[in-house]
Amino acid sequence: MLEQMITELYEEFGPSSFTNKWQGDPGGLLAEALSLLADLRLVHLVPGGILVCPAAARYRNITAVLPRPAYEGQFALDFP
């Protein structure tokens, strides 16, 4: 499926939309893109594909803090 996606991108935008290094190497571009996403811990490479990771999963011990809604006005902002 990933190979199909990169092929469709090359067909839609044309090879000249990519840098000289990748114009004739869609497979290399895909491999490099996946490597970058894996380095950023946005995907996990597995045999035969990838697992997409939620970005927040990269962080541990996160406590979400939401502002208390104002009693008047819209949320914490008071629009006249």
PDB file of N, CA and C in Angstrom:
ATOM      1  N   MET A   1       0.807  -1.179   0.000  1.00  0.00           N
ATOM      2  CA  MET A   1       0.000   0.000   0.000  1.00  0.00           C
ATOM      3  C   MET A   1       0.864   1.262   0.000  1.00  0.00           C
ATOM      4  N   LEU A   2       1.964   1.274   0.754  1.00  0.00           N
ATOM      5  CA  LEU A   2       2.826   2.444   0.785  1.00  0.00           C
ATOM      6  C   LEU A   2       3.480   2.677  -0.575  1.00  0.00           C
ATOM      7  N   GLU A   3       3.868   1.587  -1.227  1.00  0.00           N
ATOM      8  CA  GLU A   3       4.461   1.714  -2.560  1.00  0.00           C
ATOM      9  C   GLU A   3       3.447   2.289  -3.545  1.00  0.00           C
ATOM     10  N   GLN A   4       2.202   1.872  -3.408  1.00  0.00           N
ATOM     11  CA  GLN A   4       1.137   2.394  -4.267  1.00  0.00           C
ATOM     12  C   GLN A   4       0.945   3.890  -4.017  1.00  0.00           C
ATOM     13  N   MET A   5       1.001   4.296  -2.763  1.00  0.00           N
ATOM     14  CA  MET A   5       0.831   5.702  -2.420  1.00  0.00           C
ATOM     15  C   MET A   5       1.933   6.562  -3.038  1.00  0.00           C
ATOM     16  N   ILE A   6       3.173   6.111  -2.944  1.00  0.00           N
ATOM     17  CA  ILE A   6       4.281   6.890  -3.499  1.00  0.00           C
ATOM     18  C   ILE A   6       4.200   6.921  -5.019  1.00  0.00           C
ATOM     19  N   THR A   7       3.750   5.822  -5.634  1.00  0.00           N
ATOM     20  CA  THR A   7       3.563   5.788  -7.083  1.00  0.00           C
ATOM     21  C   THR A   7       2.505   6.796  -7.505  1.00  0.00           C
ATOM     22  N   GLU A   8       1.409   6.860  -6.760  1.00  0.00           N
ATOM     23  CA  GLU A   8       0.349   7.818  -7.067  1.00  0.00           C
ATOM     24  C   GLU A   8       0.833   9.258  -6.911  1.00  0.00           C
ATOM     25  N   LEU A   9       1.668   9.508  -5.918  1.00  0.00           N
ATOM     26  CA  LEU A   9       2.229  10.852  -5.753  1.00  0.00           C
ATOM     27  C   LEU A   9       3.095  11.237  -6.944  1.00  0.00           C
ATOM     28  N   TYR A  10       3.912  10.302  -7.407  1.00  0.00           N
ATOM     29  CA  TYR A  10       4.761  10.566  -8.572  1.00  0.00           C
ATOM     30  C   TYR A  10       3.905  10.787  -9.818  1.00  0.00           C
ATOM     31  N   GLU A  11       2.822  10.030  -9.944  1.00  0.00           N
ATOM     32  CA  GLU A  11       1.947  10.204 -11.102  1.00  0.00           C
ATOM     33  C   GLU A  11       1.215  11.538 -11.049  1.00  0.00           C
ATOM     34  N   GLU A  12       0.749  11.915  -9.881  1.00  0.00           N
ATOM     35  CA  GLU A  12      -0.036  13.142  -9.746  1.00  0.00           C
ATOM     36  C   GLU A  12       0.822  14.396  -9.891  1.00  0.00           C
ATOM     37  N   PHE A  13       1.986  14.421  -9.255  1.00  0.00           N
ATOM     38  CA  PHE A  13       2.803  15.627  -9.242  1.00  0.00           C
ATOM     39  C   PHE A  13       3.945  15.601 -10.241  1.00  0.00           C
ATOM     40  N   GLY A  14       4.281  14.423 -10.739  1.00  0.00           N
ATOM     41  CA  GLY A  14       5.378  14.289 -11.684  1.00  0.00           C
ATOM     42  C   GLY A  14       6.712  14.203 -10.967  1.00  0.00           C
ATOM     43  N   PRO A  15       7.648  13.444 -11.537  1.00  0.00           N
ATOM     44  CA  PRO A  15       8.963  13.277 -10.903  1.00  0.00           C
ATOM     45  C   PRO A  15       9.701  14.602 -10.710  1.00  0.00           C
ATOM     46  N   SER A  16       9.449  15.583 -11.571  1.00  0.00           N
ATOM     47  CA  SER A  16      10.172  16.856 -11.457  1.00  0.00           C
ATOM     48  C   SER A  16       9.779  17.631 -10.203  1.00  0.00           C
ATOM     49  N   SER A  17       8.726  17.218  -9.514  1.00  0.00           N
ATOM     50  CA  SER A  17       8.326  17.866  -8.263  1.00  0.00           C
ATOM     51  C   SER A  17       9.254  17.502  -7.121  1.00  0.00           C
ATOM     52  N   PHE A  18      10.063  16.477  -7.312  1.00  0.00           N
ATOM     53  CA  PHE A  18      10.962  16.006  -6.270  1.00  0.00           C
ATOM     54  C   PHE A  18      12.387  16.437  -6.602  1.00  0.00           C
ATOM     55  N   THR A  19      13.252  16.448  -5.604  1.00  0.00           N
ATOM     56  CA  THR A  19      14.638  16.831  -5.844  1.00  0.00           C
ATOM     57  C   THR A  19      15.302  15.828  -6.781  1.00  0.00           C
ATOM     58  N   ASN A  20      16.421  16.233  -7.341  1.00  0.00           N
ATOM     59  CA  ASN A  20      17.139  15.374  -8.296  1.00  0.00           C
ATOM     60  C   ASN A  20      17.417  13.992  -7.734  1.00  0.00           C
ATOM     61  N   LYS A  21      17.724  13.945  -6.455  1.00  0.00           N
ATOM     62  CA  LYS A  21      18.058  12.663  -5.818  1.00  0.00           C
ATOM     63  C   LYS A  21      16.896  11.682  -5.894  1.00  0.00           C
ATOM     64  N   TRP A  22      15.649  12.186  -5.791  1.00  0.00           N
ATOM     65  CA  TRP A  22      14.499  11.298  -5.703  1.00  0.00           C
ATOM     66  C   TRP A  22      13.688  11.208  -6.985  1.00  0.00           C
ATOM     67  N   GLN A  23      14.009  11.977  -8.012  1.00  0.00           N
ATOM     68  CA  GLN A  23      13.213  11.962  -9.239  1.00  0.00           C
ATOM     69  C   GLN A  23      13.118  10.582  -9.872  1.00  0.00           C
ATOM     70  N   GLY A  24      14.165   9.835  -9.820  1.00  0.00           N
ATOM     71  CA  GLY A  24      14.153   8.501 -10.412  1.00  0.00           C
ATOM     72  C   GLY A  24      14.152   7.383  -9.396  1.00  0.00           C
ATOM     73  N   ASP A  25      13.911   7.715  -8.135  1.00  0.00           N
ATOM     74  CA  ASP A  25      14.003   6.703  -7.087  1.00  0.00           C
ATOM     75  C   ASP A  25      12.858   6.825  -6.082  1.00  0.00           C
ATOM     76  N   PRO A  26      11.618   6.522  -6.523  1.00  0.00           N
ATOM     77  CA  PRO A  26      10.504   6.621  -5.576  1.00  0.00           C
ATOM     78  C   PRO A  26      10.636   5.665  -4.390  1.00  0.00           C
ATOM     79  N   GLY A  27      11.218   4.508  -4.603  1.00  0.00           N
ATOM     80  CA  GLY A  27      11.422   3.562  -3.507  1.00  0.00           C
ATOM     81  C   GLY A  27      12.388   4.104  -2.470  1.00  0.00           C
ATOM     82  N   GLY A  28      13.423   4.773  -2.937  1.00  0.00           N
ATOM     83  CA  GLY A  28      14.385   5.389  -2.025  1.00  0.00           C
ATOM     84  C   GLY A  28      13.758   6.517  -1.228  1.00  0.00           C
ATOM     85  N   LEU A  29      12.905   7.306  -1.884  1.00  0.00           N
ATOM     86  CA  LEU A  29      12.200   8.384  -1.196  1.00  0.00           C
ATOM     87  C   LEU A  29      11.294   7.817  -0.111  1.00  0.00           C
ATOM     88  N   LEU A  30      10.582   6.759  -0.423  1.00  0.00           N
ATOM     89  CA  LEU A  30       9.698   6.126   0.556  1.00  0.00           C
ATOM     90  C   LEU A  30      10.507   5.608   1.738  1.00  0.00           C
ATOM     91  N   ALA A  31      11.615   4.942   1.471  1.00  0.00           N
ATOM     92  CA  ALA A  31      12.449   4.404   2.548  1.00  0.00           C
ATOM     93  C   ALA A  31      12.995   5.526   3.425  1.00  0.00           C
ATOM     94  N   GLU A  32      13.417   6.608   2.810  1.00  0.00           N
ATOM     95  CA  GLU A  32      13.957   7.736   3.568  1.00  0.00           C
ATOM     96  C   GLU A  32      12.870   8.420   4.400  1.00  0.00           C
ATOM     97  N   ALA A  33      11.682   8.555   3.826  1.00  0.00           N
ATOM     98  CA  ALA A  33      10.567   9.162   4.553  1.00  0.00           C
ATOM     99  C   ALA A  33      10.174   8.300   5.751  1.00  0.00           C
ATOM    100  N   LEU A  34      10.108   6.997   5.552  1.00  0.00           N
ATOM    101  CA  LEU A  34       9.763   6.096   6.655  1.00  0.00           C
ATOM    102  C   LEU A  34      10.826   6.111   7.741  1.00  0.00           C
ATOM    103  N   SER A  35      12.073   6.214   7.334  1.00  0.00           N
ATOM    104  CA  SER A  35      13.162   6.289   8.306  1.00  0.00           C
ATOM    105  C   SER A  35      13.043   7.557   9.147  1.00  0.00           C
ATOM    106  N   LEU A  36      12.728   8.677   8.510  1.00  0.00           N
ATOM    107  CA  LEU A  36      12.545   9.930   9.239  1.00  0.00           C
ATOM    108  C   LEU A  36      11.378   9.828  10.215  1.00  0.00           C
ATOM    109  N   LEU A  37      10.251   9.294   9.741  1.00  0.00           N
ATOM    110  CA  LEU A  37       9.080   9.146  10.619  1.00  0.00           C
ATOM    111  C   LEU A  37       9.371   8.218  11.791  1.00  0.00           C
ATOM    112  N   ALA A  38      10.164   7.179  11.547  1.00  0.00           N
ATOM    113  CA  ALA A  38      10.541   6.262  12.630  1.00  0.00           C
ATOM    114  C   ALA A  38      11.472   6.958  13.618  1.00  0.00           C
ATOM    115  N   ASP A  39      12.417   7.760  13.114  1.00  0.00           N
ATOM    116  CA  ASP A  39      13.315   8.503  13.999  1.00  0.00           C
ATOM    117  C   ASP A  39      12.538   9.470  14.887  1.00  0.00           C
ATOM    118  N   LEU A  40      11.468  10.038  14.353  1.00  0.00           N
ATOM    119  CA  LEU A  40      10.632  10.960  15.117  1.00  0.00           C
ATOM    120  C   LEU A  40       9.631  10.225  16.004  1.00  0.00           C
ATOM    121  N   ARG A  41       9.664   8.894  15.939  1.00  0.00           N
ATOM    122  CA  ARG A  41       8.771   8.015  16.696  1.00  0.00           C
ATOM    123  C   ARG A  41       7.296   8.274  16.377  1.00  0.00           C
ATOM    124  N   LEU A  42       7.037   8.560  15.101  1.00  0.00           N
ATOM    125  CA  LEU A  42       5.660   8.724  14.647  1.00  0.00           C
ATOM    126  C   LEU A  42       5.138   7.441  14.022  1.00  0.00           C
ATOM    127  N   VAL A  43       6.045   6.568  13.595  1.00  0.00           N
ATOM    128  CA  VAL A  43       5.685   5.240  13.091  1.00  0.00           C
ATOM    129  C   VAL A  43       6.655   4.234  13.683  1.00  0.00           C
ATOM    130  N   HIS A  44       6.231   2.988  13.686  1.00  0.00           N
ATOM    131  CA  HIS A  44       7.086   1.879  14.120  1.00  0.00           C
ATOM    132  C   HIS A  44       7.176   0.918  12.952  1.00  0.00           C
ATOM    133  N   LEU A  45       8.396   0.678  12.479  1.00  0.00           N
ATOM    134  CA  LEU A  45       8.587  -0.223  11.342  1.00  0.00           C
ATOM    135  C   LEU A  45       8.434  -1.672  11.802  1.00  0.00           C
ATOM    136  N   VAL A  46       7.612  -2.418  11.078  1.00  0.00           N
ATOM    137  CA  VAL A  46       7.391  -3.832  11.362  1.00  0.00           C
ATOM    138  C   VAL A  46       7.536  -4.596  10.052  1.00  0.00           C
ATOM    139  N   PRO A  47       7.784  -5.895  10.107  1.00  0.00           N
ATOM    140  CA  PRO A  47       7.882  -6.659   8.858  1.00  0.00           C
ATOM    141  C   PRO A  47       6.617  -6.509   8.021  1.00  0.00           C
ATOM    142  N   GLY A  48       6.774  -6.047   6.808  1.00  0.00           N
ATOM    143  CA  GLY A  48       5.649  -5.914   5.895  1.00  0.00           C
ATOM    144  C   GLY A  48       4.907  -4.598   5.972  1.00  0.00           C
ATOM    145  N   GLY A  49       5.362  -3.658   6.808  1.00  0.00           N
ATOM    146  CA  GLY A  49       4.655  -2.381   6.877  1.00  0.00           C
ATOM    147  C   GLY A  49       5.076  -1.530   8.043  1.00  0.00           C
ATOM    148  N   ILE A  50       4.143  -0.706   8.492  1.00  0.00           N
ATOM    149  CA  ILE A  50       4.406   0.200   9.602  1.00  0.00           C
ATOM    150  C   ILE A  50       3.197   0.243  10.525  1.00  0.00           C
ATOM    151  N   LEU A  51       3.440   0.630  11.756  1.00  0.00           N
ATOM    152  CA  LEU A  51       2.379   0.944  12.697  1.00  0.00           C
ATOM    153  C   LEU A  51       2.455   2.441  12.946  1.00  0.00           C
ATOM    154  N   VAL A  52       1.346   3.118  12.808  1.00  0.00           N
ATOM    155  CA  VAL A  52       1.307   4.549  13.050  1.00  0.00           C
ATOM    156  C   VAL A  52       1.077   4.771  14.533  1.00  0.00           C
ATOM    157  N   CYS A  53       1.942   5.563  15.147  1.00  0.00           N
ATOM    158  CA  CYS A  53       1.858   5.822  16.580  1.00  0.00           C
ATOM    159  C   CYS A  53       1.209   7.183  16.825  1.00  0.00           C
ATOM    160  N   PRO A  54       0.375   7.270  17.831  1.00  0.00           N
ATOM    161  CA  PRO A  54      -0.132   8.595  18.195  1.00  0.00           C
ATOM    162  C   PRO A  54       1.026   9.450  18.680  1.00  0.00           C
ATOM    163  N   ALA A  55       1.059  10.693  18.274  1.00  0.00           N
ATOM    164  CA  ALA A  55       2.175  11.571  18.628  1.00  0.00           C
ATOM    165  C   ALA A  55       2.323  11.710  20.136  1.00  0.00           C
ATOM    166  N   ALA A  56       1.233  11.748  20.869  1.00  0.00           N
ATOM    167  CA  ALA A  56       1.306  11.904  22.318  1.00  0.00           C
ATOM    168  C   ALA A  56       1.945  10.689  22.991  1.00  0.00           C
ATOM    169  N   ALA A  57       1.971   9.551  22.325  1.00  0.00           N
ATOM    170  CA  ALA A  57       2.555   8.351  22.918  1.00  0.00           C
ATOM    171  C   ALA A  57       4.069   8.488  23.076  1.00  0.00           C
ATOM    172  N   ARG A  58       4.655   9.462  22.408  1.00  0.00           N
ATOM    173  CA  ARG A  58       6.092   9.665  22.539  1.00  0.00           C
ATOM    174  C   ARG A  58       6.454  10.239  23.900  1.00  0.00           C
ATOM    175  N   TYR A  59       5.488  10.829  24.569  1.00  0.00           N
ATOM    176  CA  TYR A  59       5.746  11.495  25.837  1.00  0.00           C
ATOM    177  C   TYR A  59       5.172  10.664  26.980  1.00  0.00           C
ATOM    178  N   ARG A  60       5.843  10.675  28.083  1.00  0.00           N
ATOM    179  CA  ARG A  60       5.397   9.906  29.232  1.00  0.00           C
ATOM    180  C   ARG A  60       4.977  10.868  30.345  1.00  0.00           C
ATOM    181  N   ASN A  61       4.091  10.404  31.178  1.00  0.00           N
ATOM    182  CA  ASN A  61       3.655  11.169  32.348  1.00  0.00           C
ATOM    183  C   ASN A  61       3.095  12.538  31.985  1.00  0.00           C
ATOM    184  N   ILE A  62       2.270  12.589  30.970  1.00  0.00           N
ATOM    185  CA  ILE A  62       1.638  13.843  30.580  1.00  0.00           C
ATOM    186  C   ILE A  62       0.344  13.998  31.356  1.00  0.00           C
ATOM    187  N   THR A  63       0.137  15.175  31.874  1.00  0.00           N
ATOM    188  CA  THR A  63      -1.123  15.489  32.535  1.00  0.00           C
ATOM    189  C   THR A  63      -1.788  16.588  31.734  1.00  0.00           C
ATOM    190  N   ALA A  64      -2.937  16.303  31.190  1.00  0.00           N
ATOM    191  CA  ALA A  64      -3.659  17.307  30.413  1.00  0.00           C
ATOM    192  C   ALA A  64      -4.311  18.296  31.357  1.00  0.00           C
ATOM    193  N   VAL A  65      -4.146  19.555  31.047  1.00  0.00           N
ATOM    194  CA  VAL A  65      -4.745  20.604  31.865  1.00  0.00           C
ATOM    195  C   VAL A  65      -5.602  21.458  30.957  1.00  0.00           C
ATOM    196  N   LEU A  66      -6.872  21.552  31.289  1.00  0.00           N
ATOM    197  CA  LEU A  66      -7.800  22.375  30.526  1.00  0.00           C
ATOM    198  C   LEU A  66      -8.212  23.556  31.380  1.00  0.00           C
ATOM    199  N   PRO A  67      -8.335  24.738  30.771  1.00  0.00           N
ATOM    200  CA  PRO A  67      -8.753  25.893  31.569  1.00  0.00           C
ATOM    201  C   PRO A  67     -10.176  25.709  32.055  1.00  0.00           C
ATOM    202  N   ARG A  68     -10.446  26.260  33.224  1.00  0.00           N
ATOM    203  CA  ARG A  68     -11.805  26.224  33.746  1.00  0.00           C
ATOM    204  C   ARG A  68     -12.650  27.191  32.935  1.00  0.00           C
ATOM    205  N   PRO A  69     -13.831  26.782  32.541  1.00  0.00           N
ATOM    206  CA  PRO A  69     -14.669  27.701  31.779  1.00  0.00           C
ATOM    207  C   PRO A  69     -15.124  28.863  32.651  1.00  0.00           C
ATOM    208  N   ALA A  70     -15.185  30.034  32.037  1.00  0.00           N
ATOM    209  CA  ALA A  70     -15.673  31.214  32.755  1.00  0.00           C
ATOM    210  C   ALA A  70     -17.165  31.057  33.007  1.00  0.00           C
ATOM    211  N   TYR A  71     -17.634  31.651  34.069  1.00  0.00           N
ATOM    212  CA  TYR A  71     -19.056  31.565  34.380  1.00  0.00           C
ATOM    213  C   TYR A  71     -19.879  32.435  33.447  1.00  0.00           C
ATOM    214  N   GLU A  72     -19.249  33.465  32.887  1.00  0.00           N
ATOM    215  CA  GLU A  72     -19.925  34.326  31.929  1.00  0.00           C
ATOM    216  C   GLU A  72     -19.033  34.426  30.685  1.00  0.00           C
ATOM    217  N   GLY A  73     -19.620  34.727  29.574  1.00  0.00           N
ATOM    218  CA  GLY A  73     -18.839  34.843  28.358  1.00  0.00           C
ATOM    219  C   GLY A  73     -18.628  33.492  27.726  1.00  0.00           C
ATOM    220  N   GLN A  74     -17.765  33.455  26.754  1.00  0.00           N
ATOM    221  CA  GLN A  74     -17.525  32.219  26.007  1.00  0.00           C
ATOM    222  C   GLN A  74     -16.185  31.649  26.455  1.00  0.00           C
ATOM    223  N   PHE A  75     -16.209  30.508  27.108  1.00  0.00           N
ATOM    224  CA  PHE A  75     -15.049  29.833  27.649  1.00  0.00           C
ATOM    225  C   PHE A  75     -14.287  30.785  28.577  1.00  0.00           C
ATOM    226  N   ALA A  76     -12.981  30.845  28.470  1.00  0.00           N
ATOM    227  CA  ALA A  76     -12.203  31.703  29.341  1.00  0.00           C
ATOM    228  C   ALA A  76     -12.095  33.114  28.789  1.00  0.00           C
ATOM    229  N   LEU A  77     -12.564  33.336  27.574  1.00  0.00           N
ATOM    230  CA  LEU A  77     -12.500  34.655  26.963  1.00  0.00           C
ATOM    231  C   LEU A  77     -13.861  35.314  27.060  1.00  0.00           C
ATOM    232  N   ASP A  78     -13.874  36.579  27.314  1.00  0.00           N
ATOM    233  CA  ASP A  78     -15.133  37.302  27.440  1.00  0.00           C
ATOM    234  C   ASP A  78     -15.302  38.192  26.211  1.00  0.00           C
ATOM    235  N   PHE A  79     -16.142  37.780  25.290  1.00  0.00           N
ATOM    236  CA  PHE A  79     -16.402  38.569  24.087  1.00  0.00           C
ATOM    237  C   PHE A  79     -17.613  39.457  24.336  1.00  0.00           C
ATOM    238  N   PRO A  80     -17.468  40.779  24.096  1.00  0.00           N
ATOM    239  CA  PRO A  80     -18.621  41.660  24.311  1.00  0.00           C
ATOM    240  C   PRO A  80     -19.729  41.416  23.317  1.00  0.00           C
TER     241      PRO A  80
END
